[in-house]
């Protein structure tokens, strides 16, 4: 059984992971849009901005890993 404190730790871990991507602002905007509209379809602009940010992060992460392997 998970206590309330354990789920709080999970939220913090998730927040930290999002912050590490550099996409925390885009994620926050997406979450706020959904909270306001309760409809993902109304949040396509915010979703696309988050996706673009996430891809940039993944691309740069892949570039770093490739450079490290090549050394």
N, C-alpha and C. Protein backbone atom coordinates (compact mmCIF):
# COMPACT_ATOMS: atom_id res chain seq x y z
N UNK A 1 0.84 -1.18 0.00
CA UNK A 1 0.00 0.00 0.00
C UNK A 1 0.88 1.25 0.00
N UNK A 2 0.54 2.22 -0.82
CA UNK A 2 1.31 3.45 -0.92
C UNK A 2 0.68 4.51 -0.03
N UNK A 3 1.51 5.08 0.81
CA UNK A 3 1.01 6.16 1.67
C UNK A 3 0.99 7.47 0.90
N UNK A 4 0.33 8.47 1.44
CA UNK A 4 0.27 9.79 0.81
C UNK A 4 1.68 10.37 0.65
N UNK A 5 2.55 10.13 1.63
CA UNK A 5 3.91 10.66 1.56
C UNK A 5 4.67 10.05 0.40
N UNK A 6 4.46 8.74 0.12
CA UNK A 6 5.13 8.08 -0.99
C UNK A 6 4.70 8.67 -2.31
N UNK A 7 3.41 8.95 -2.48
CA UNK A 7 2.95 9.52 -3.73
C UNK A 7 3.48 10.94 -3.90
N UNK A 8 3.69 11.64 -2.80
CA UNK A 8 4.27 12.97 -2.86
C UNK A 8 5.70 12.90 -3.39
N UNK A 9 6.45 11.88 -2.95
CA UNK A 9 7.81 11.69 -3.44
C UNK A 9 7.81 11.41 -4.93
N UNK A 10 6.83 10.63 -5.41
CA UNK A 10 6.73 10.33 -6.83
C UNK A 10 6.50 11.60 -7.63
N UNK A 11 5.64 12.47 -7.13
CA UNK A 11 5.39 13.74 -7.81
C UNK A 11 6.67 14.55 -7.89
N UNK A 12 7.42 14.59 -6.81
CA UNK A 12 8.67 15.34 -6.81
C UNK A 12 9.65 14.75 -7.82
N UNK A 13 9.73 13.44 -7.89
CA UNK A 13 10.62 12.79 -8.86
C UNK A 13 10.20 13.14 -10.28
N UNK A 14 8.91 13.11 -10.54
CA UNK A 14 8.41 13.46 -11.88
C UNK A 14 8.76 14.91 -12.20
N UNK A 15 8.51 15.82 -11.25
CA UNK A 15 8.82 17.22 -11.47
C UNK A 15 10.31 17.40 -11.77
N UNK A 16 11.14 16.72 -11.04
CA UNK A 16 12.59 16.81 -11.27
C UNK A 16 12.96 16.31 -12.66
N UNK A 17 12.34 15.22 -13.08
CA UNK A 17 12.63 14.68 -14.41
C UNK A 17 12.22 15.67 -15.50
N UNK A 18 11.06 16.29 -15.34
CA UNK A 18 10.61 17.28 -16.31
C UNK A 18 11.54 18.49 -16.31
N UNK A 19 11.96 18.93 -15.14
CA UNK A 19 12.86 20.08 -15.06
C UNK A 19 14.18 19.79 -15.75
N UNK A 20 14.67 18.57 -15.62
CA UNK A 20 15.94 18.19 -16.26
C UNK A 20 15.85 18.26 -17.78
N UNK A 21 14.66 18.11 -18.33
CA UNK A 21 14.52 18.16 -19.78
C UNK A 21 14.59 19.59 -20.29
N UNK A 22 14.40 20.55 -19.40
CA UNK A 22 14.34 21.94 -19.82
C UNK A 22 12.97 22.30 -20.36
N UNK A 23 11.99 21.43 -20.15
CA UNK A 23 10.64 21.63 -20.70
C UNK A 23 9.60 21.86 -19.60
N UNK A 24 10.03 22.28 -18.44
CA UNK A 24 9.10 22.45 -17.32
C UNK A 24 8.04 23.51 -17.63
N UNK A 25 8.44 24.59 -18.26
CA UNK A 25 7.48 25.65 -18.57
C UNK A 25 6.44 25.16 -19.57
N UNK A 26 6.89 24.44 -20.60
CA UNK A 26 5.97 23.90 -21.60
C UNK A 26 5.02 22.89 -20.97
N UNK A 27 5.54 22.07 -20.07
CA UNK A 27 4.71 21.09 -19.37
C UNK A 27 3.68 21.79 -18.50
N UNK A 28 4.11 22.80 -17.79
CA UNK A 28 3.20 23.56 -16.92
C UNK A 28 2.07 24.20 -17.74
N UNK A 29 2.44 24.80 -18.85
CA UNK A 29 1.42 25.43 -19.71
C UNK A 29 0.43 24.39 -20.24
N UNK A 30 0.92 23.24 -20.60
CA UNK A 30 0.04 22.16 -21.07
C UNK A 30 -0.90 21.70 -19.96
N UNK A 31 -0.37 21.50 -18.78
CA UNK A 31 -1.19 21.06 -17.64
C UNK A 31 -2.24 22.11 -17.27
N UNK A 32 -1.83 23.37 -17.31
CA UNK A 32 -2.78 24.45 -16.98
C UNK A 32 -3.89 24.52 -18.02
N UNK A 33 -3.54 24.34 -19.29
CA UNK A 33 -4.56 24.35 -20.33
C UNK A 33 -5.56 23.23 -20.11
N UNK A 34 -5.05 22.03 -19.86
CA UNK A 34 -5.95 20.90 -19.66
C UNK A 34 -6.82 21.11 -18.42
N UNK A 35 -6.20 21.63 -17.36
CA UNK A 35 -6.96 21.88 -16.13
C UNK A 35 -8.10 22.87 -16.39
N UNK A 36 -7.82 23.86 -17.20
CA UNK A 36 -8.83 24.89 -17.52
C UNK A 36 -9.91 24.35 -18.45
N UNK A 37 -9.53 23.60 -19.47
CA UNK A 37 -10.49 23.20 -20.51
C UNK A 37 -11.06 21.80 -20.32
N UNK A 38 -10.31 20.94 -19.63
CA UNK A 38 -10.68 19.52 -19.47
C UNK A 38 -10.81 18.82 -20.83
N UNK A 39 -10.06 19.33 -21.82
CA UNK A 39 -10.15 18.78 -23.17
C UNK A 39 -8.79 18.93 -23.85
N UNK A 40 -8.11 17.79 -24.05
CA UNK A 40 -6.80 17.81 -24.68
C UNK A 40 -6.85 18.42 -26.08
N UNK A 41 -7.97 18.28 -26.76
CA UNK A 41 -8.09 18.82 -28.12
C UNK A 41 -7.96 20.34 -28.12
N UNK A 42 -8.35 20.97 -27.03
CA UNK A 42 -8.25 22.42 -26.93
C UNK A 42 -6.84 22.88 -26.60
N UNK A 43 -5.96 21.94 -26.34
CA UNK A 43 -4.60 22.27 -25.90
C UNK A 43 -3.54 21.82 -26.91
N UNK A 44 -3.91 21.75 -28.16
CA UNK A 44 -2.99 21.24 -29.18
C UNK A 44 -1.74 22.13 -29.32
N UNK A 45 -1.90 23.43 -29.22
CA UNK A 45 -0.74 24.32 -29.33
C UNK A 45 0.25 24.04 -28.20
N UNK A 46 -0.25 23.94 -26.97
CA UNK A 46 0.61 23.68 -25.82
C UNK A 46 1.23 22.29 -25.92
N UNK A 47 0.46 21.33 -26.40
CA UNK A 47 0.97 19.97 -26.57
C UNK A 47 2.11 19.95 -27.58
N UNK A 48 1.94 20.66 -28.69
CA UNK A 48 2.98 20.69 -29.72
C UNK A 48 4.25 21.37 -29.21
N UNK A 49 4.09 22.44 -28.45
CA UNK A 49 5.25 23.11 -27.88
C UNK A 49 6.01 22.19 -26.93
N UNK A 50 5.26 21.42 -26.12
CA UNK A 50 5.90 20.47 -25.21
C UNK A 50 6.60 19.37 -26.00
N UNK A 51 5.95 18.84 -27.03
CA UNK A 51 6.57 17.80 -27.87
C UNK A 51 7.86 18.30 -28.51
N UNK A 52 7.81 19.50 -29.06
CA UNK A 52 8.99 20.06 -29.71
C UNK A 52 10.14 20.21 -28.72
N UNK A 53 9.84 20.70 -27.54
CA UNK A 53 10.86 20.84 -26.51
C UNK A 53 11.43 19.48 -26.12
N UNK A 54 10.55 18.52 -25.93
CA UNK A 54 10.97 17.16 -25.54
C UNK A 54 11.89 16.56 -26.61
N UNK A 55 11.52 16.74 -27.88
CA UNK A 55 12.36 16.21 -28.98
C UNK A 55 13.73 16.88 -28.99
N UNK A 56 13.75 18.19 -28.79
CA UNK A 56 15.04 18.88 -28.75
C UNK A 56 15.92 18.32 -27.64
N UNK A 57 15.31 18.06 -26.49
CA UNK A 57 16.06 17.50 -25.37
C UNK A 57 16.59 16.11 -25.71
N UNK A 58 15.72 15.28 -26.30
CA UNK A 58 16.14 13.93 -26.65
C UNK A 58 17.22 13.96 -27.72
N UNK A 59 17.11 14.86 -28.68
CA UNK A 59 18.13 14.98 -29.73
C UNK A 59 19.47 15.38 -29.13
N UNK A 60 19.45 16.35 -28.22
CA UNK A 60 20.71 16.80 -27.62
C UNK A 60 21.28 15.71 -26.71
N UNK A 61 20.43 14.97 -26.04
CA UNK A 61 20.87 13.86 -25.19
C UNK A 61 21.52 12.78 -26.05
N UNK A 62 20.93 12.48 -27.19
CA UNK A 62 21.49 11.48 -28.11
C UNK A 62 22.82 11.96 -28.65
N UNK A 63 22.94 13.24 -28.98
CA UNK A 63 24.20 13.79 -29.47
C UNK A 63 25.30 13.64 -28.43
N UNK A 64 24.99 13.92 -27.18
CA UNK A 64 25.97 13.81 -26.10
C UNK A 64 26.41 12.36 -25.94
N UNK A 65 25.45 11.42 -25.94
CA UNK A 65 25.78 10.00 -25.81
C UNK A 65 26.64 9.53 -26.98
N UNK A 66 26.33 9.97 -28.18
CA UNK A 66 27.09 9.59 -29.37
C UNK A 66 28.52 10.11 -29.27
N UNK A 67 28.68 11.35 -28.81
CA UNK A 67 30.02 11.92 -28.65
C UNK A 67 30.81 11.16 -27.61
N UNK A 68 30.16 10.75 -26.51
CA UNK A 68 30.86 10.03 -25.45
C UNK A 68 31.30 8.66 -25.93
N UNK A 69 30.48 7.99 -26.74
CA UNK A 69 30.82 6.68 -27.27
C UNK A 69 31.98 6.79 -28.25
N UNK A 70 32.00 7.86 -29.02
CA UNK A 70 33.04 8.06 -30.03
C UNK A 70 34.40 8.42 -29.47
N UNK A 71 34.47 8.75 -28.18
CA UNK A 71 35.74 9.18 -27.58
C UNK A 71 36.60 8.02 -27.21
